[in-house]
C-alpha atoms as a PDB file:
ATOM      1  CA  MET A   1       9.676 -12.834  22.562  1.00  0.00           C
ATOM      2  CA  ALA A   2       7.899 -11.113  25.416  1.00  0.00           C
ATOM      3  CA  SER A   3       5.739 -13.110  27.775  1.00  0.00           C
ATOM      4  CA  LEU A   4       1.971 -13.018  27.477  1.00  0.00           C
ATOM      5  CA  LYS A   5       1.698 -10.908  30.622  1.00  0.00           C
ATOM      6  CA  GLU A   6       4.099  -8.325  29.160  1.00  0.00           C
ATOM      7  CA  GLN A   7       2.235  -8.324  25.835  1.00  0.00           C
ATOM      8  CA  LEU A   8      -1.149  -7.746  27.472  1.00  0.00           C
ATOM      9  CA  GLY A   9       0.022  -5.494  30.284  1.00  0.00           C
ATOM     10  CA  GLY A  10       1.026  -2.437  28.286  1.00  0.00           C
ATOM     11  CA  LEU A  11      -0.628   0.938  28.105  1.00  0.00           C
ATOM     12  CA  VAL A  12      -3.387   1.028  25.487  1.00  0.00           C
ATOM     13  CA  TYR A  13      -4.853   4.507  25.874  1.00  0.00           C
ATOM     14  CA  SER A  14      -3.769   7.625  27.676  1.00  0.00           C
ATOM     15  CA  THR A  15      -5.908  10.734  28.212  1.00  0.00           C
ATOM     16  CA  GLU A  16      -2.779  12.786  27.650  1.00  0.00           C
ATOM     17  CA  HIS A  17      -1.590  11.221  24.364  1.00  0.00           C
ATOM     18  CA  GLY A  18      -4.536   9.176  23.063  1.00  0.00           C
ATOM     19  CA  ASP A  19      -3.986   5.724  21.537  1.00  0.00           C
ATOM     20  CA  THR A  20      -0.561   4.108  21.820  1.00  0.00           C
ATOM     21  CA  CYS A  21       1.202   1.714  19.485  1.00  0.00           C
ATOM     22  CA  PRO A  22       1.215  -1.872  20.834  1.00  0.00           C
ATOM     23  CA  GLN A  23       4.717  -2.525  19.458  1.00  0.00           C
ATOM     24  CA  CYS A  24       6.781   0.512  20.440  1.00  0.00           C
ATOM     25  CA  ARG A  25       4.480   1.817  23.224  1.00  0.00           C
ATOM     26  CA  ARG A  26       4.656   5.382  21.875  1.00  0.00           C
ATOM     27  CA  PRO A  27       1.654   7.575  20.997  1.00  0.00           C
ATOM     28  CA  LEU A  28       0.313   6.827  17.503  1.00  0.00           C
ATOM     29  CA  THR A  29       1.221  10.335  16.349  1.00  0.00           C
ATOM     30  CA  GLU A  30       4.897   9.609  17.139  1.00  0.00           C
ATOM     31  CA  CYS A  31       4.942   5.929  16.100  1.00  0.00           C
ATOM     32  CA  GLU A  32       7.231   4.945  13.227  1.00  0.00           C
ATOM     33  CA  CYS A  33       6.526   1.192  13.179  1.00  0.00           C
ATOM     34  CA  ALA A  34       4.568   1.275   9.906  1.00  0.00           C
ATOM     35  CA  GLU A  35       7.277   3.287   8.149  1.00  0.00           C
ATOM     36  CA  GLN A  36       9.988   0.924   9.367  1.00  0.00           C
ATOM     37  CA  ALA A  37       7.981  -2.119   8.238  1.00  0.00           C
ATOM     38  CA  GLU A  38       7.490  -0.542   4.793  1.00  0.00           C
ATOM     39  CA  GLN A  39      11.217   0.224   4.480  1.00  0.00           C
ATOM     40  CA  GLN A  40      12.058  -3.340   5.485  1.00  0.00           C
ATOM     41  CA  ARG A  41       9.609  -4.728   2.895  1.00  0.00           C
ATOM     42  CA  LEU A  42      11.194  -2.598   0.158  1.00  0.00           C
ATOM     43  CA  ALA A  43      14.715  -3.590   1.213  1.00  0.00           C
ATOM     44  CA  GLU A  44      13.910  -7.315   0.904  1.00  0.00           C
ATOM     45  CA  LEU A  45      12.733  -7.036  -2.730  1.00  0.00           C
ATOM     46  CA  ASP A  46      15.019  -8.139  -5.569  1.00  0.00           C
ATOM     47  CA  GLY A  47      13.556  -5.842  -8.252  1.00  0.00           C
ATOM     48  CA  ILE A  48      11.699  -8.556 -10.165  1.00  0.00           C
ATOM     49  CA  VAL A  49       7.902  -8.468 -10.278  1.00  0.00           C
ATOM     50  CA  ARG A  50       6.452 -11.982 -10.204  1.00  0.00           C
ATOM     51  CA  ILE A  51       3.061 -12.582 -11.772  1.00  0.00           C
ATOM     52  CA  ARG A  52       1.131 -15.729 -10.924  1.00  0.00           C
ATOM     53  CA  ARG A  53      -2.408 -17.048 -11.157  1.00  0.00           C
ATOM     54  CA  GLU A  54      -3.905 -18.311  -7.902  1.00  0.00           C
ATOM     55  CA  THR A  55      -7.136 -20.104  -7.086  1.00  0.00           C
ATOM     56  CA  SER A  56      -6.435 -21.546  -3.646  1.00  0.00           C
ATOM     57  CA  GLY A  57      -8.788 -20.357  -0.924  1.00  0.00           C
ATOM     58  CA  ARG A  58     -11.081 -18.612  -3.398  1.00  0.00           C
ATOM     59  CA  LYS A  59     -13.611 -21.363  -4.165  1.00  0.00           C
ATOM     60  CA  GLY A  60     -12.131 -21.921  -7.634  1.00  0.00           C
ATOM     61  CA  LYS A  61     -12.190 -18.271  -8.637  1.00  0.00           C
ATOM     62  CA  GLY A  62      -8.872 -17.232 -10.137  1.00  0.00           C
ATOM     63  CA  VAL A  63      -6.922 -14.081  -9.391  1.00  0.00           C
ATOM     64  CA  THR A  64      -3.687 -12.784 -10.840  1.00  0.00           C
ATOM     65  CA  SER A  65      -1.270 -11.775  -8.090  1.00  0.00           C
ATOM     66  CA  LEU A  66       1.636  -9.385  -8.581  1.00  0.00           C
ATOM     67  CA  GLU A  67       4.350  -9.759  -5.975  1.00  0.00           C
ATOM     68  CA  GLY A  68       7.606  -7.871  -5.490  1.00  0.00           C
ATOM     69  CA  ILE A  69       6.671  -4.480  -6.913  1.00  0.00           C
ATOM     70  CA  PRO A  70       9.348  -2.092  -5.585  1.00  0.00           C
ATOM     71  CA  LEU A  71       7.072   0.853  -4.766  1.00  0.00           C
ATOM     72  CA  PRO A  72       5.983   2.512  -1.503  1.00  0.00           C
ATOM     73  CA  ALA A  73       2.448   1.748  -0.311  1.00  0.00           C
ATOM     74  CA  ASP A  74       0.762   4.885  -1.697  1.00  0.00           C
ATOM     75  CA  GLU A  75       2.337   4.479  -5.150  1.00  0.00           C
ATOM     76  CA  LEU A  76       1.479   0.774  -5.064  1.00  0.00           C
ATOM     77  CA  MET A  77      -2.188   1.644  -4.498  1.00  0.00           C
ATOM     78  CA  ALA A  78      -2.120   4.061  -7.471  1.00  0.00           C
ATOM     79  CA  LEU A  79      -0.473   1.433  -9.693  1.00  0.00           C
ATOM     80  CA  ALA A  80      -3.027  -1.175  -8.617  1.00  0.00           C
ATOM     81  CA  LYS A  81      -5.848   1.202  -9.493  1.00  0.00           C
ATOM     82  CA  ALA A  82      -4.393   1.818 -12.956  1.00  0.00           C
ATOM     83  CA  LEU A  83      -3.881  -1.919 -13.572  1.00  0.00           C
ATOM     84  CA  LYS A  84      -7.422  -2.752 -12.445  1.00  0.00           C
ATOM     85  CA  LYS A  85      -8.756  -0.097 -14.790  1.00  0.00           C
ATOM     86  CA  ARG A  86      -6.621  -1.455 -17.658  1.00  0.00           C
ATOM     87  CA  CYS A  87      -7.950  -4.990 -17.076  1.00  0.00           C
ATOM     88  CA  GLY A  88     -11.515  -3.846 -16.484  1.00  0.00           C
ATOM     89  CA  THR A  89     -11.849  -5.829 -13.271  1.00  0.00           C
ATOM     90  CA  GLY A  90     -11.643  -5.418  -9.535  1.00  0.00           C
ATOM     91  CA  GLY A  91      -8.897  -6.331  -7.155  1.00  0.00           C
ATOM     92  CA  ALA A  92      -7.114  -5.446  -3.951  1.00  0.00           C
ATOM     93  CA  VAL A  93      -3.731  -4.728  -2.394  1.00  0.00           C
ATOM     94  CA  LYS A  94      -2.930  -6.997   0.547  1.00  0.00           C
ATOM     95  CA  ALA A  95       0.419  -6.849   2.370  1.00  0.00           C
ATOM     96  CA  GLY A  96       2.299  -5.483  -0.641  1.00  0.00           C
ATOM     97  CA  VAL A  97       0.751  -7.976  -3.075  1.00  0.00           C
ATOM     98  CA  VAL A  98      -1.591  -6.694  -5.787  1.00  0.00           C
ATOM     99  CA  GLU A  99      -4.463  -9.067  -6.604  1.00  0.00           C
ATOM    100  CA  ILE A 100      -6.392  -8.577  -9.859  1.00  0.00           C
ATOM    101  CA  GLN A 101      -9.552 -10.627 -10.416  1.00  0.00           C
ATOM    102  CA  GLY A 102      -9.331 -13.056 -13.327  1.00  0.00           C
ATOM    103  CA  ASP A 103      -6.440 -14.367 -15.432  1.00  0.00           C
ATOM    104  CA  HIS A 104      -4.685 -11.334 -16.938  1.00  0.00           C
ATOM    105  CA  ARG A 105      -1.051 -12.461 -16.780  1.00  0.00           C
ATOM    106  CA  GLU A 106      -0.026 -11.553 -20.340  1.00  0.00           C
ATOM    107  CA  LEU A 107      -1.820  -8.192 -20.315  1.00  0.00           C
ATOM    108  CA  LEU A 108      -0.287  -7.254 -16.967  1.00  0.00           C
ATOM    109  CA  LYS A 109       3.162  -8.405 -18.065  1.00  0.00           C
ATOM    110  CA  GLY A 110       3.075  -6.115 -21.091  1.00  0.00           C
ATOM    111  CA  GLU A 111       1.718  -3.191 -19.082  1.00  0.00           C
ATOM    112  CA  LEU A 112       4.340  -3.501 -16.340  1.00  0.00           C
ATOM    113  CA  GLU A 113       7.172  -3.847 -18.867  1.00  0.00           C
ATOM    114  CA  LYS A 114       5.989  -0.639 -20.529  1.00  0.00           C
ATOM    115  CA  ARG A 115       6.251   1.046 -17.121  1.00  0.00           C
ATOM    116  CA  GLY A 116       9.875  -0.098 -16.756  1.00  0.00           C
ATOM    117  CA  PHE A 117       9.574  -3.050 -14.359  1.00  0.00           C
ATOM    118  CA  ARG A 118      11.410  -6.347 -14.766  1.00  0.00           C
ATOM    119  CA  VAL A 119       8.655  -8.965 -14.952  1.00  0.00           C
ATOM    120  CA  ARG A 120       8.724 -12.745 -14.663  1.00  0.00           C
ATOM    121  CA  LEU A 121       5.792 -15.160 -14.945  1.00  0.00           C
ATOM    122  CA  ALA A 122       5.838 -17.484 -11.946  1.00  0.00           C
ATOM    123  CA  GLY A 123       3.960 -20.660 -11.168  1.00  0.00           C
ATOM    124  CA  GLY A 124       2.121 -22.928 -13.555  1.00  0.00           C
END
């Protein structure tokens, strides 16, 4: 791990290249950090989509979270949009996890199985 001085002492903006990436110190147009992080996330998945209901940190409001969907970020956003439309609720995609408002575990399980994913209900 780099020291605090090294972390804060890097180039942030250049009039020649514009903004630079804080991790690889290359111009944002040449940076591949996001692509590498996405490839690493996909490589760590085991191919099983886990569906769970969560209420922690949401003032008692429940959401159904879908974790482990083996899709790139843009396809994941499109799938999330289709699932939200199917459930008739809102939701979000945060760090590769799709969150759908409300308890829709059984509906989402059937929908994902129709799309060819291996699905497992997780949690209580």
